[in-house]
């Protein structure tokens, strides 16, 4: 996987190295020169620096990036049913929070094998394989949709003010359909672009 990430990075070297003094250009040059890169090596040399916008990037280390991006930080806040299936031999996900942050909305499942998003099993025909994961996920979705009864959420009423659609009680935030003359210059070709805050 590390080699695949480096190969992907190589396809974009010209764009990433336009300013050779930029930290991302320097990180790109070092990363594409890695011999036998692992995912951790890739993240240490590139992702922690050029993996996103600032803030919070850059990170001091890949470990700091992993801490920031970890699902451990949000599991306790989930309020809709969630099934998370992981494999104990996953080379990417090393620490599976089986307690799910003590959250009853989250079901954690851990298989002994499966790799990273693998879970292949033999099909009927010779050399045929299929993904095992679809069966338990569909069973869980069916059970959740059938057996879980939850109250409908309470939505605030909406009202229109000066062409803006707003929630009652929140007058500082709203949305408005624009005609072509109201679109900010430079966004004319962007379909579905939400422009202007």
Protein backbone atom coordinates (compact mmCIF):
# COMPACT_ATOMS: atom_id res chain seq x y z
CA UNK A 1 0.00 0.00 0.00
CA UNK A 2 2.88 2.35 0.74
CA UNK A 3 4.31 1.80 -2.74
CA UNK A 4 0.89 2.46 -4.31
CA UNK A 5 0.65 5.78 -2.44
CA UNK A 6 4.12 6.78 -3.65
CA UNK A 7 3.17 5.85 -7.23
CA UNK A 8 0.05 8.00 -6.91
CA UNK A 9 2.15 10.88 -5.61
CA UNK A 10 4.55 10.49 -8.56
CA UNK A 11 1.67 11.11 -10.96
CA UNK A 12 1.20 14.56 -9.42
CA UNK A 13 4.83 15.63 -8.91
CA UNK A 14 4.68 18.45 -11.46
CA UNK A 15 1.78 20.13 -9.66
CA UNK A 16 3.15 19.52 -6.17
CA UNK A 17 6.67 20.73 -7.00
CA UNK A 18 5.82 24.03 -8.72
CA UNK A 19 7.31 25.97 -5.80
CA UNK A 20 10.44 23.98 -4.85
CA UNK A 21 10.83 25.93 -1.60
CA UNK A 22 7.35 24.98 -0.35
CA UNK A 23 7.16 22.35 2.41
CA UNK A 24 4.88 20.14 0.30
CA UNK A 25 7.35 20.19 -2.62
CA UNK A 26 10.18 19.22 -0.27
CA UNK A 27 8.07 16.45 1.30
CA UNK A 28 7.14 15.17 -2.18
CA UNK A 29 10.78 14.95 -3.25
CA UNK A 30 11.74 12.98 -0.15
CA UNK A 31 8.69 10.70 -0.30
CA UNK A 32 9.06 9.64 -3.94
CA UNK A 33 12.66 8.64 -3.13
CA UNK A 34 11.66 6.19 -0.39
CA UNK A 35 12.79 2.60 -0.88
CA UNK A 36 10.15 0.01 0.07
CA UNK A 37 7.80 2.54 1.68
CA UNK A 38 5.21 1.45 4.22
CA UNK A 39 2.01 3.39 4.89
CA UNK A 40 3.56 4.73 8.08
CA UNK A 41 6.65 5.90 6.19
CA UNK A 42 4.44 7.62 3.61
CA UNK A 43 2.42 9.33 6.33
CA UNK A 44 5.58 10.37 8.22
CA UNK A 45 7.20 11.89 5.14
CA UNK A 46 4.20 13.27 3.25
CA UNK A 47 0.69 13.00 4.77
CA UNK A 48 1.57 14.76 8.04
CA UNK A 49 2.80 17.73 5.97
CA UNK A 50 0.65 17.80 2.84
CA UNK A 51 -2.39 15.74 3.79
CA UNK A 52 -4.78 18.64 4.23
CA UNK A 53 -5.21 22.34 4.73
CA UNK A 54 -3.85 24.42 7.56
CA UNK A 55 -4.84 24.31 10.32
CA UNK A 56 -4.47 21.59 11.56
CA UNK A 57 -1.77 20.59 9.06
CA UNK A 58 1.18 20.21 9.27
CA UNK A 59 1.57 17.75 12.13
CA UNK A 60 4.82 17.18 14.02
CA UNK A 61 4.71 13.44 13.27
CA UNK A 62 2.60 10.73 11.67
CA UNK A 63 1.64 9.67 15.20
CA UNK A 64 0.24 13.15 15.89
CA UNK A 65 -1.72 12.96 12.62
CA UNK A 66 -3.10 9.52 13.60
CA UNK A 67 -4.18 10.86 17.00
CA UNK A 68 -5.99 13.78 15.33
CA UNK A 69 -7.72 11.63 12.68
CA UNK A 70 -8.66 8.74 14.96
CA UNK A 71 -12.28 7.65 15.17
CA UNK A 72 -11.66 7.16 18.89
CA UNK A 73 -12.24 10.91 19.22
CA UNK A 74 -15.81 10.80 17.93
CA UNK A 75 -17.25 7.38 18.74
CA UNK A 76 -18.83 8.54 21.99
CA UNK A 77 -20.64 11.37 20.13
CA UNK A 78 -22.41 9.21 17.52
CA UNK A 79 -26.21 9.32 17.81
CA UNK A 80 -27.34 7.17 14.90
CA UNK A 81 -26.81 3.40 14.56
CA UNK A 82 -23.32 2.56 13.33
CA UNK A 83 -21.76 -0.80 12.53
CA UNK A 84 -17.96 -0.83 12.34
CA UNK A 85 -16.33 -4.03 11.11
CA UNK A 86 -12.56 -4.37 11.41
CA UNK A 87 -10.04 -7.17 10.97
CA UNK A 88 -7.40 -7.97 13.59
CA UNK A 89 -4.78 -8.34 10.82
CA UNK A 90 -5.53 -4.94 9.23
CA UNK A 91 -2.17 -3.26 8.46
CA UNK A 92 -3.73 0.21 8.66
CA UNK A 93 -6.10 0.06 11.64
CA UNK A 94 -3.90 -1.09 14.51
CA UNK A 95 -6.08 -0.21 17.51
CA UNK A 96 -9.77 -1.07 17.32
CA UNK A 97 -11.80 0.55 20.13
CA UNK A 98 -14.00 -2.44 20.92
CA UNK A 99 -15.72 -0.55 23.77
CA UNK A 100 -17.04 1.89 21.12
CA UNK A 101 -16.55 4.76 23.53
CA UNK A 102 -19.25 3.20 25.75
CA UNK A 103 -21.79 4.24 23.14
CA UNK A 104 -24.91 2.09 22.69
CA UNK A 105 -25.44 3.44 19.17
CA UNK A 106 -22.21 1.80 17.97
CA UNK A 107 -21.66 -1.90 17.28
CA UNK A 108 -18.03 -2.93 16.86
CA UNK A 109 -17.14 -6.24 15.19
CA UNK A 110 -13.63 -7.68 14.91
CA UNK A 111 -12.78 -10.61 12.65
CA UNK A 112 -9.47 -12.47 13.06
CA UNK A 113 -8.62 -12.04 9.35
CA UNK A 114 -9.65 -9.76 6.52
CA UNK A 115 -6.78 -7.35 6.05
CA UNK A 116 -7.64 -3.79 5.13
CA UNK A 117 -11.17 -3.82 3.69
CA UNK A 118 -10.68 -7.37 2.44
CA UNK A 119 -12.81 -10.22 3.76
CA UNK A 120 -12.67 -12.29 0.59
CA UNK A 121 -14.11 -15.80 0.42
CA UNK A 122 -14.30 -18.43 -2.30
CA UNK A 123 -17.23 -18.45 -4.68
CA UNK A 124 -18.67 -21.58 -6.25
CA UNK A 125 -16.51 -21.44 -9.37
CA UNK A 126 -12.78 -22.07 -9.53
CA UNK A 127 -10.76 -18.92 -8.88
CA UNK A 128 -13.89 -16.94 -8.07
CA UNK A 129 -13.90 -14.77 -4.95
CA UNK A 130 -16.47 -12.51 -3.36
CA UNK A 131 -16.47 -10.11 -0.43
CA UNK A 132 -17.85 -11.71 2.70
CA UNK A 133 -18.57 -8.32 4.34
CA UNK A 134 -21.76 -7.62 2.39
CA UNK A 135 -23.73 -10.35 4.16
CA UNK A 136 -23.25 -9.22 7.78
CA UNK A 137 -23.65 -5.57 6.81
CA UNK A 138 -26.95 -6.24 5.02
CA UNK A 139 -28.15 -8.40 7.93
CA UNK A 140 -27.32 -5.60 10.37
CA UNK A 141 -29.03 -2.95 8.21
CA UNK A 142 -32.14 -5.14 7.92
CA UNK A 143 -32.23 -5.77 11.67
CA UNK A 144 -31.62 -2.11 12.47
CA UNK A 145 -34.31 -0.93 10.08
CA UNK A 146 -36.81 -3.50 11.30
CA UNK A 147 -36.13 -3.76 15.00
CA UNK A 148 -34.85 -0.38 16.09
CA UNK A 149 -37.59 2.07 16.90
CA UNK A 150 -36.46 5.63 17.36
CA UNK A 151 -38.41 8.82 17.75
CA UNK A 152 -38.39 11.15 14.79
CA UNK A 153 -36.10 14.15 15.23
CA UNK A 154 -37.62 17.50 16.05
CA UNK A 155 -36.88 20.03 13.33
CA UNK A 156 -37.24 23.74 13.80
CA UNK A 157 -39.83 25.50 11.71
CA UNK A 158 -38.65 27.47 8.69
CA UNK A 159 -39.53 30.98 7.59
CA UNK A 160 -38.52 33.23 4.70
CA UNK A 161 -36.96 36.63 5.27
CA UNK A 162 -35.62 38.87 2.46
CA UNK A 163 -35.45 35.88 0.13
CA UNK A 164 -33.49 33.76 2.64
CA UNK A 165 -34.86 30.52 4.05
CA UNK A 166 -34.05 30.44 7.79
CA UNK A 167 -34.82 28.31 10.82
CA UNK A 168 -37.03 30.01 13.39
CA UNK A 169 -34.78 31.33 16.15
CA UNK A 170 -31.63 31.37 14.02
CA UNK A 171 -31.78 34.61 12.09
CA UNK A 172 -28.05 34.89 11.33
CA UNK A 173 -27.92 31.84 9.06
CA UNK A 174 -29.95 31.00 5.98
CA UNK A 175 -29.82 30.00 2.36
CA UNK A 176 -31.10 31.67 -0.77
CA UNK A 177 -31.46 30.52 -4.37
CA UNK A 178 -29.40 32.78 -6.62
CA UNK A 179 -29.93 33.66 -10.24
CA UNK A 180 -26.94 33.72 -12.61
CA UNK A 181 -26.27 37.42 -11.99
CA UNK A 182 -25.62 36.77 -8.29
CA UNK A 183 -22.91 34.14 -8.81
CA UNK A 184 -19.43 35.21 -7.76
CA UNK A 185 -17.05 35.71 -10.72
CA UNK A 186 -14.88 32.66 -11.27
CA UNK A 187 -17.50 30.12 -10.26
CA UNK A 188 -19.69 30.21 -13.36
CA UNK A 189 -18.55 26.78 -14.58
CA UNK A 190 -18.83 25.08 -11.20
CA UNK A 191 -22.01 23.08 -11.05
CA UNK A 192 -23.40 22.74 -7.54
CA UNK A 193 -20.82 25.08 -6.04
CA UNK A 194 -21.85 26.71 -2.79
CA UNK A 195 -20.18 30.11 -2.94
CA UNK A 196 -20.03 33.00 -0.57
CA UNK A 197 -20.28 32.82 3.21
